[in-house]
Amino acid sequence: NNCLVGIKLGTPLKNLKEKLPDLEITIENMSDEDVLKTNQTITISDGETTFTYTITVQGDVDGDGLVGATDYVKIKNYIMEYLLLY
């Protein structure tokens, strides 16, 4: 479903680039030192083919690159709304 998953919380872009040295990896308006966040769009190219994915960082529900109270509240609200519907 075009999602890039399995990224650990707090991973900077440079770490991903180091693990995939033969690929060109870009995220708009992001330096190599910035931390990857949920819902960022990442472009990966091998020189011939370009792929675009949405990043999903486990626990980072609100897309700020951290796991905190707002992530908990969003998950809790989602579960409670689901339970009320069923």
PDB file of N, CA and C in Angstrom:
ATOM      1  N   ASN A   1       0.810  -1.197   0.000  1.00  0.00           N
ATOM      2  CA  ASN A   1       0.000   0.000   0.000  1.00  0.00           C
ATOM      3  C   ASN A   1       0.861   1.271   0.000  1.00  0.00           C
ATOM      4  N   ASN A   2       2.058   1.165  -0.506  1.00  0.00           N
ATOM      5  CA  ASN A   2       2.984   2.296  -0.650  1.00  0.00           C
ATOM      6  C   ASN A   2       3.390   2.937   0.659  1.00  0.00           C
ATOM      7  N   CYS A   3       3.408   2.156   1.729  1.00  0.00           N
ATOM      8  CA  CYS A   3       3.896   2.647   3.014  1.00  0.00           C
ATOM      9  C   CYS A   3       5.255   2.024   3.301  1.00  0.00           C
ATOM     10  N   LEU A   4       6.153   2.835   3.832  1.00  0.00           N
ATOM     11  CA  LEU A   4       7.461   2.362   4.261  1.00  0.00           C
ATOM     12  C   LEU A   4       7.386   2.199   5.769  1.00  0.00           C
ATOM     13  N   VAL A   5       7.434   0.946   6.238  1.00  0.00           N
ATOM     14  CA  VAL A   5       7.265   0.652   7.660  1.00  0.00           C
ATOM     15  C   VAL A   5       8.542   0.051   8.234  1.00  0.00           C
ATOM     16  N   GLY A   6       8.553  -0.126   9.541  1.00  0.00           N
ATOM     17  CA  GLY A   6       9.699  -0.740  10.203  1.00  0.00           C
ATOM     18  C   GLY A   6      10.778   0.250  10.589  1.00  0.00           C
ATOM     19  N   ILE A   7      10.463   1.533  10.523  1.00  0.00           N
ATOM     20  CA  ILE A   7      11.430   2.559  10.902  1.00  0.00           C
ATOM     21  C   ILE A   7      11.304   2.808  12.392  1.00  0.00           C
ATOM     22  N   LYS A   8      12.422   2.752  13.089  1.00  0.00           N
ATOM     23  CA  LYS A   8      12.420   2.953  14.530  1.00  0.00           C
ATOM     24  C   LYS A   8      12.276   4.424  14.867  1.00  0.00           C
ATOM     25  N   LEU A   9      11.615   4.686  15.965  1.00  0.00           N
ATOM     26  CA  LEU A   9      11.426   6.033  16.464  1.00  0.00           C
ATOM     27  C   LEU A   9      12.781   6.705  16.672  1.00  0.00           C
ATOM     28  N   GLY A  10      12.909   7.936  16.210  1.00  0.00           N
ATOM     29  CA  GLY A  10      14.140   8.698  16.387  1.00  0.00           C
ATOM     30  C   GLY A  10      15.193   8.476  15.320  1.00  0.00           C
ATOM     31  N   THR A  11      14.863   7.756  14.252  1.00  0.00           N
ATOM     32  CA  THR A  11      15.820   7.484  13.180  1.00  0.00           C
ATOM     33  C   THR A  11      16.000   8.710  12.294  1.00  0.00           C
ATOM     34  N   PRO A  12      17.231   9.218  12.186  1.00  0.00           N
ATOM     35  CA  PRO A  12      17.453  10.337  11.266  1.00  0.00           C
ATOM     36  C   PRO A  12      17.547   9.843   9.823  1.00  0.00           C
ATOM     37  N   LEU A  13      17.291  10.744   8.880  1.00  0.00           N
ATOM     38  CA  LEU A  13      17.341  10.399   7.460  1.00  0.00           C
ATOM     39  C   LEU A  13      18.695   9.828   7.077  1.00  0.00           C
ATOM     40  N   LYS A  14      19.785  10.344   7.663  1.00  0.00           N
ATOM     41  CA  LYS A  14      21.122   9.861   7.298  1.00  0.00           C
ATOM     42  C   LYS A  14      21.288   8.367   7.578  1.00  0.00           C
ATOM     43  N   ASN A  15      20.642   7.834   8.620  1.00  0.00           N
ATOM     44  CA  ASN A  15      20.744   6.408   8.924  1.00  0.00           C
ATOM     45  C   ASN A  15      20.126   5.559   7.816  1.00  0.00           C
ATOM     46  N   LEU A  16      18.998   6.010   7.292  1.00  0.00           N
ATOM     47  CA  LEU A  16      18.356   5.287   6.199  1.00  0.00           C
ATOM     48  C   LEU A  16      19.229   5.325   4.955  1.00  0.00           C
ATOM     49  N   LYS A  17      19.822   6.485   4.682  1.00  0.00           N
ATOM     50  CA  LYS A  17      20.710   6.616   3.525  1.00  0.00           C
ATOM     51  C   LYS A  17      21.948   5.731   3.657  1.00  0.00           C
ATOM     52  N   GLU A  18      22.467   5.575   4.870  1.00  0.00           N
ATOM     53  CA  GLU A  18      23.635   4.717   5.097  1.00  0.00           C
ATOM     54  C   GLU A  18      23.303   3.252   4.861  1.00  0.00           C
ATOM     55  N   LYS A  19      22.070   2.843   5.179  1.00  0.00           N
ATOM     56  CA  LYS A  19      21.672   1.447   4.993  1.00  0.00           C
ATOM     57  C   LYS A  19      21.371   1.123   3.534  1.00  0.00           C
ATOM     58  N   LEU A  20      21.101   2.153   2.733  1.00  0.00           N
ATOM     59  CA  LEU A  20      20.781   1.968   1.315  1.00  0.00           C
ATOM     60  C   LEU A  20      21.680   2.864   0.463  1.00  0.00           C
ATOM     61  N   PRO A  21      22.998   2.624   0.496  1.00  0.00           N
ATOM     62  CA  PRO A  21      23.942   3.552  -0.134  1.00  0.00           C
ATOM     63  C   PRO A  21      23.848   3.640  -1.663  1.00  0.00           C
ATOM     64  N   ASP A  22      23.303   2.644  -2.320  1.00  0.00           N
ATOM     65  CA  ASP A  22      23.225   2.650  -3.778  1.00  0.00           C
ATOM     66  C   ASP A  22      21.964   3.331  -4.313  1.00  0.00           C
ATOM     67  N   LEU A  23      21.129   3.840  -3.403  1.00  0.00           N
ATOM     68  CA  LEU A  23      19.877   4.467  -3.815  1.00  0.00           C
ATOM     69  C   LEU A  23      19.880   5.951  -3.477  1.00  0.00           C
ATOM     70  N   GLU A  24      19.179   6.730  -4.287  1.00  0.00           N
ATOM     71  CA  GLU A  24      19.006   8.151  -3.999  1.00  0.00           C
ATOM     72  C   GLU A  24      17.719   8.303  -3.191  1.00  0.00           C
ATOM     73  N   ILE A  25      17.843   8.849  -1.981  1.00  0.00           N
ATOM     74  CA  ILE A  25      16.711   8.974  -1.070  1.00  0.00           C
ATOM     75  C   ILE A  25      16.498  10.444  -0.749  1.00  0.00           C
ATOM     76  N   THR A  26      15.272  10.921  -0.967  1.00  0.00           N
ATOM     77  CA  THR A  26      14.984  12.319  -0.682  1.00  0.00           C
ATOM     78  C   THR A  26      13.637  12.485   0.009  1.00  0.00           C
ATOM     79  N   ILE A  27      13.606  13.474   0.895  1.00  0.00           N
ATOM     80  CA  ILE A  27      12.375  13.939   1.516  1.00  0.00           C
ATOM     81  C   ILE A  27      12.439  15.458   1.450  1.00  0.00           C
ATOM     82  N   GLU A  28      11.408  16.081   0.885  1.00  0.00           N
ATOM     83  CA  GLU A  28      11.413  17.537   0.732  1.00  0.00           C
ATOM     84  C   GLU A  28      11.562  18.236   2.067  1.00  0.00           C
ATOM     85  N   ASN A  29      12.332  19.329   2.061  1.00  0.00           N
ATOM     86  CA  ASN A  29      12.519  20.192   3.228  1.00  0.00           C
ATOM     87  C   ASN A  29      13.043  19.440   4.449  1.00  0.00           C
ATOM     88  N   MET A  30      13.956  18.484   4.221  1.00  0.00           N
ATOM     89  CA  MET A  30      14.500  17.703   5.324  1.00  0.00           C
ATOM     90  C   MET A  30      15.996  17.532   5.152  1.00  0.00           C
ATOM     91  N   SER A  31      16.746  17.775   6.221  1.00  0.00           N
ATOM     92  CA  SER A  31      18.188  17.553   6.189  1.00  0.00           C
ATOM     93  C   SER A  31      18.483  16.125   6.635  1.00  0.00           C
ATOM     94  N   ASP A  32      19.703  15.684   6.416  1.00  0.00           N
ATOM     95  CA  ASP A  32      20.099  14.322   6.794  1.00  0.00           C
ATOM     96  C   ASP A  32      20.032  14.098   8.302  1.00  0.00           C
ATOM     97  N   GLU A  33      20.124  15.162   9.092  1.00  0.00           N
ATOM     98  CA  GLU A  33      20.102  15.045  10.550  1.00  0.00           C
ATOM     99  C   GLU A  33      18.686  14.986  11.115  1.00  0.00           C
ATOM    100  N   ASP A  34      17.677  15.389  10.334  1.00  0.00           N
ATOM    101  CA  ASP A  34      16.297  15.418  10.827  1.00  0.00           C
ATOM    102  C   ASP A  34      15.752  14.006  11.016  1.00  0.00           C
ATOM    103  N   VAL A  35      14.872  13.860  11.998  1.00  0.00           N
ATOM    104  CA  VAL A  35      14.270  12.572  12.350  1.00  0.00           C
ATOM    105  C   VAL A  35      13.093  12.274  11.428  1.00  0.00           C
ATOM    106  N   LEU A  36      12.995  11.015  10.980  1.00  0.00           N
ATOM    107  CA  LEU A  36      11.890  10.568  10.138  1.00  0.00           C
ATOM    108  C   LEU A  36      10.595  10.577  10.946  1.00  0.00           C
ATOM    109  N   LYS A  37       9.498  10.975  10.284  1.00  0.00           N
ATOM    110  CA  LYS A  37       8.209  11.113  10.954  1.00  0.00           C
ATOM    111  C   LYS A  37       7.113  10.438  10.136  1.00  0.00           C
ATOM    112  N   THR A  38       6.075   9.997  10.826  1.00  0.00           N
ATOM    113  CA  THR A  38       4.914   9.414  10.169  1.00  0.00           C
ATOM    114  C   THR A  38       4.286  10.427   9.221  1.00  0.00           C
ATOM    115  N   ASN A  39       3.847   9.946   8.077  1.00  0.00           N
ATOM    116  CA  ASN A  39       3.162  10.699   7.018  1.00  0.00           C
ATOM    117  C   ASN A  39       4.078  11.547   6.148  1.00  0.00           C
ATOM    118  N   GLN A  40       5.397  11.440   6.297  1.00  0.00           N
ATOM    119  CA  GLN A  40       6.295  12.111   5.365  1.00  0.00           C
ATOM    120  C   GLN A  40       6.324  11.307   4.067  1.00  0.00           C
ATOM    121  N   THR A  41       6.502  12.017   2.964  1.00  0.00           N
ATOM    122  CA  THR A  41       6.624  11.348   1.677  1.00  0.00           C
ATOM    123  C   THR A  41       8.104  11.225   1.344  1.00  0.00           C
ATOM    124  N   ILE A  42       8.530   9.993   1.075  1.00  0.00           N
ATOM    125  CA  ILE A  42       9.931   9.713   0.759  1.00  0.00           C
ATOM    126  C   ILE A  42      10.018   9.202  -0.675  1.00  0.00           C
ATOM    127  N   THR A  43      11.019   9.682  -1.394  1.00  0.00           N
ATOM    128  CA  THR A  43      11.251   9.247  -2.766  1.00  0.00           C
ATOM    129  C   THR A  43      12.564   8.480  -2.815  1.00  0.00           C
ATOM    130  N   ILE A  44      12.515   7.285  -3.389  1.00  0.00           N
ATOM    131  CA  ILE A  44      13.688   6.417  -3.496  1.00  0.00           C
ATOM    132  C   ILE A  44      13.882   6.067  -4.960  1.00  0.00           C
ATOM    133  N   SER A  45      15.116   6.281  -5.454  1.00  0.00           N
ATOM    134  CA  SER A  45      15.399   6.027  -6.864  1.00  0.00           C
ATOM    135  C   SER A  45      16.676   5.206  -7.009  1.00  0.00           C
ATOM    136  N   ASP A  46      16.659   4.284  -7.985  1.00  0.00           N
ATOM    137  CA  ASP A  46      17.859   3.504  -8.289  1.00  0.00           C
ATOM    138  C   ASP A  46      18.537   4.017  -9.553  1.00  0.00           C
ATOM    139  N   GLY A  47      18.106   5.172 -10.037  1.00  0.00           N
ATOM    140  CA  GLY A  47      18.663   5.749 -11.252  1.00  0.00           C
ATOM    141  C   GLY A  47      17.793   5.500 -12.461  1.00  0.00           C
ATOM    142  N   GLU A  48      17.027   4.430 -12.438  1.00  0.00           N
ATOM    143  CA  GLU A  48      16.131   4.108 -13.542  1.00  0.00           C
ATOM    144  C   GLU A  48      14.666   4.216 -13.134  1.00  0.00           C
ATOM    145  N   THR A  49      14.362   3.747 -11.946  1.00  0.00           N
ATOM    146  CA  THR A  49      12.990   3.728 -11.455  1.00  0.00           C
ATOM    147  C   THR A  49      12.907   4.518 -10.158  1.00  0.00           C
ATOM    148  N   THR A  50      11.831   5.271 -10.021  1.00  0.00           N
ATOM    149  CA  THR A  50      11.611   6.060  -8.815  1.00  0.00           C
ATOM    150  C   THR A  50      10.351   5.559  -8.115  1.00  0.00           C
ATOM    151  N   PHE A  51      10.456   5.374  -6.810  1.00  0.00           N
ATOM    152  CA  PHE A  51       9.341   4.918  -5.995  1.00  0.00           C
ATOM    153  C   PHE A  51       9.031   5.996  -4.960  1.00  0.00           C
ATOM    154  N   THR A  52       7.759   6.182  -4.656  1.00  0.00           N
ATOM    155  CA  THR A  52       7.346   7.132  -3.640  1.00  0.00           C
ATOM    156  C   THR A  52       6.547   6.391  -2.577  1.00  0.00           C
ATOM    157  N   TYR A  53       6.914   6.608  -1.327  1.00  0.00           N
ATOM    158  CA  TYR A  53       6.278   5.938  -0.197  1.00  0.00           C
ATOM    159  C   TYR A  53       5.872   6.957   0.859  1.00  0.00           C
ATOM    160  N   THR A  54       4.940   6.565   1.715  1.00  0.00           N
ATOM    161  CA  THR A  54       4.594   7.319   2.903  1.00  0.00           C
ATOM    162  C   THR A  54       5.227   6.609   4.092  1.00  0.00           C
ATOM    163  N   ILE A  55       5.954   7.364   4.905  1.00  0.00           N
ATOM    164  CA  ILE A  55       6.643   6.788   6.066  1.00  0.00           C
ATOM    165  C   ILE A  55       5.655   6.548   7.197  1.00  0.00           C
ATOM    166  N   THR A  56       5.802   5.406   7.861  1.00  0.00           N
ATOM    167  CA  THR A  56       5.042   5.097   9.053  1.00  0.00           C
ATOM    168  C   THR A  56       6.027   4.686  10.150  1.00  0.00           C
ATOM    169  N   VAL A  57       6.089   5.499  11.216  1.00  0.00           N
ATOM    170  CA  VAL A  57       6.962   5.206  12.350  1.00  0.00           C
ATOM    171  C   VAL A  57       6.074   4.699  13.477  1.00  0.00           C
ATOM    172  N   GLN A  58       6.353   3.483  13.958  1.00  0.00           N
ATOM    173  CA  GLN A  58       5.520   2.866  14.979  1.00  0.00           C
ATOM    174  C   GLN A  58       5.429   3.750  16.220  1.00  0.00           C
ATOM    175  N   GLY A  59       4.194   4.054  16.634  1.00  0.00           N
ATOM    176  CA  GLY A  59       3.954   4.862  17.815  1.00  0.00           C
ATOM    177  C   GLY A  59       3.778   6.339  17.528  1.00  0.00           C
ATOM    178  N   ASP A  60       4.280   6.811  16.395  1.00  0.00           N
ATOM    179  CA  ASP A  60       4.191   8.227  16.032  1.00  0.00           C
ATOM    180  C   ASP A  60       2.903   8.469  15.259  1.00  0.00           C
ATOM    181  N   VAL A  61       1.793   8.521  15.962  1.00  0.00           N
ATOM    182  CA  VAL A  61       0.491   8.644  15.323  1.00  0.00           C
ATOM    183  C   VAL A  61       0.255  10.054  14.792  1.00  0.00           C
ATOM    184  N   ASP A  62       0.742  11.067  15.509  1.00  0.00           N
ATOM    185  CA  ASP A  62       0.462  12.445  15.109  1.00  0.00           C
ATOM    186  C   ASP A  62       1.501  13.039  14.162  1.00  0.00           C
ATOM    187  N   GLY A  63       2.552  12.286  13.829  1.00  0.00           N
ATOM    188  CA  GLY A  63       3.513  12.717  12.826  1.00  0.00           C
ATOM    189  C   GLY A  63       4.521  13.750  13.275  1.00  0.00           C
ATOM    190  N   ASP A  64       4.793  13.817  14.589  1.00  0.00           N
ATOM    191  CA  ASP A  64       5.785  14.782  15.066  1.00  0.00           C
ATOM    192  C   ASP A  64       7.157  14.162  15.305  1.00  0.00           C
ATOM    193  N   GLY A  65       7.270  12.855  15.061  1.00  0.00           N
ATOM    194  CA  GLY A  65       8.549  12.175  15.235  1.00  0.00           C
ATOM    195  C   GLY A  65       8.803  11.709  16.654  1.00  0.00           C
ATOM    196  N   LEU A  66       7.834  11.906  17.526  1.00  0.00           N
ATOM    197  CA  LEU A  66       7.945  11.518  18.931  1.00  0.00           C
ATOM    198  C   LEU A  66       6.750  10.661  19.315  1.00  0.00           C
ATOM    199  N   VAL A  67       6.859   9.967  20.447  1.00  0.00           N
ATOM    200  CA  VAL A  67       5.711   9.261  21.009  1.00  0.00           C
ATOM    201  C   VAL A  67       5.400   9.950  22.325  1.00  0.00           C
ATOM    202  N   GLY A  68       4.189  10.490  22.403  1.00  0.00           N
ATOM    203  CA  GLY A  68       3.813  11.230  23.600  1.00  0.00           C
ATOM    204  C   GLY A  68       2.328  11.148  23.862  1.00  0.00           C
ATOM    205  N   ALA A  69       1.873  12.056  24.702  1.00  0.00           N
ATOM    206  CA  ALA A  69       0.477  12.055  25.135  1.00  0.00           C
ATOM    207  C   ALA A  69      -0.490  12.231  23.965  1.00  0.00           C
ATOM    208  N   THR A  70      -0.146  13.061  22.990  1.00  0.00           N
ATOM    209  CA  THR A  70      -1.075  13.261  21.876  1.00  0.00           C
ATOM    210  C   THR A  70      -1.250  11.991  21.045  1.00  0.00           C
ATOM    211  N   ASP A  71      -0.195  11.188  20.946  1.00  0.00           N
ATOM    212  CA  ASP A  71      -0.317   9.907  20.232  1.00  0.00           C
ATOM    213  C   ASP A  71      -1.266   8.984  20.996  1.00  0.00           C
ATOM    214  N   TYR A  72      -1.102   8.931  22.316  1.00  0.00           N
ATOM    215  CA  TYR A  72      -1.956   8.096  23.161  1.00  0.00           C
ATOM    216  C   TYR A  72      -3.420   8.516  23.015  1.00  0.00           C
ATOM    217  N   VAL A  73      -3.679   9.823  23.066  1.00  0.00           N
ATOM    218  CA  VAL A  73      -5.050  10.325  22.980  1.00  0.00           C
ATOM    219  C   VAL A  73      -5.663   9.976  21.632  1.00  0.00           C
ATOM    220  N   LYS A  74      -4.905  10.117  20.547  1.00  0.00           N
ATOM    221  CA  LYS A  74      -5.426   9.785  19.219  1.00  0.00           C
ATOM    222  C   LYS A  74      -5.774   8.296  19.114  1.00  0.00           C
ATOM    223  N   ILE A  75      -4.917   7.447  19.666  1.00  0.00           N
ATOM    224  CA  ILE A  75      -5.189   6.006  19.636  1.00  0.00           C
ATOM    225  C   ILE A  75      -6.407   5.674  20.486  1.00  0.00           C
ATOM    226  N   LYS A  76      -6.459   6.235  21.694  1.00  0.00           N
ATOM    227  CA  LYS A  76      -7.590   5.987  22.604  1.00  0.00           C
ATOM    228  C   LYS A  76      -8.898   6.433  21.971  1.00  0.00           C
ATOM    229  N   ASN A  77      -8.906   7.627  21.388  1.00  0.00           N
ATOM    230  CA  ASN A  77     -10.123   8.135  20.754  1.00  0.00           C
ATOM    231  C   ASN A  77     -10.553   7.266  19.582  1.00  0.00           C
ATOM    232  N   TYR A  78      -9.597   6.791  18.817  1.00  0.00           N
ATOM    233  CA  TYR A  78      -9.915   5.909  17.693  1.00  0.00           C
ATOM    234  C   TYR A  78     -10.570   4.620  18.197  1.00  0.00           C
ATOM    235  N   ILE A  79      -9.987   4.033  19.220  1.00  0.00           N
ATOM    236  CA  ILE A  79     -10.526   2.776  19.766  1.00  0.00           C
ATOM    237  C   ILE A  79     -11.921   2.999  20.348  1.00  0.00           C
ATOM    238  N   MET A  80     -12.096   4.073  21.095  1.00  0.00           N
ATOM    239  CA  MET A  80     -13.396   4.340  21.710  1.00  0.00           C
ATOM    240  C   MET A  80     -14.472   4.596  20.645  1.00  0.00           C
ATOM    241  N   GLU A  81     -14.134   5.320  19.594  1.00  0.00           N
ATOM    242  CA  GLU A  81     -15.082   5.573  18.525  1.00  0.00           C
ATOM    243  C   GLU A  81     -15.429   4.264  17.815  1.00  0.00           C
ATOM    244  N   TYR A  82     -14.449   3.418  17.599  1.00  0.00           N
ATOM    245  CA  TYR A  82     -14.676   2.118  16.966  1.00  0.00           C
ATOM    246  C   TYR A  82     -15.630   1.269  17.816  1.00  0.00           C
ATOM    247  N   LEU A  83     -15.384   1.247  19.140  1.00  0.00           N
ATOM    248  CA  LEU A  83     -16.216   0.439  20.022  1.00  0.00           C
ATOM    249  C   LEU A  83     -17.657   0.954  20.076  1.00  0.00           C
ATOM    250  N   LEU A  84     -17.819   2.264  19.978  1.00  0.00           N
ATOM    251  CA  LEU A  84     -19.172   2.831  19.992  1.00  0.00           C
ATOM    252  C   LEU A  84     -19.952   2.500  18.730  1.00  0.00           C
ATOM    253  N   LEU A  85     -19.236   2.337  17.613  1.00  0.00           N
ATOM    254  CA  LEU A  85     -19.899   2.023  16.349  1.00  0.00           C
ATOM    255  C   LEU A  85     -20.290   0.557  16.249  1.00  0.00           C
ATOM    256  N   TYR A  86     -19.606  -0.302  16.980  1.00  0.00           N
ATOM    257  CA  TYR A  86     -19.871  -1.736  16.861  1.00  0.00           C
ATOM    258  C   TYR A  86     -20.299  -2.285  18.140  1.00  0.00           C
TER     259      TYR A  86
END
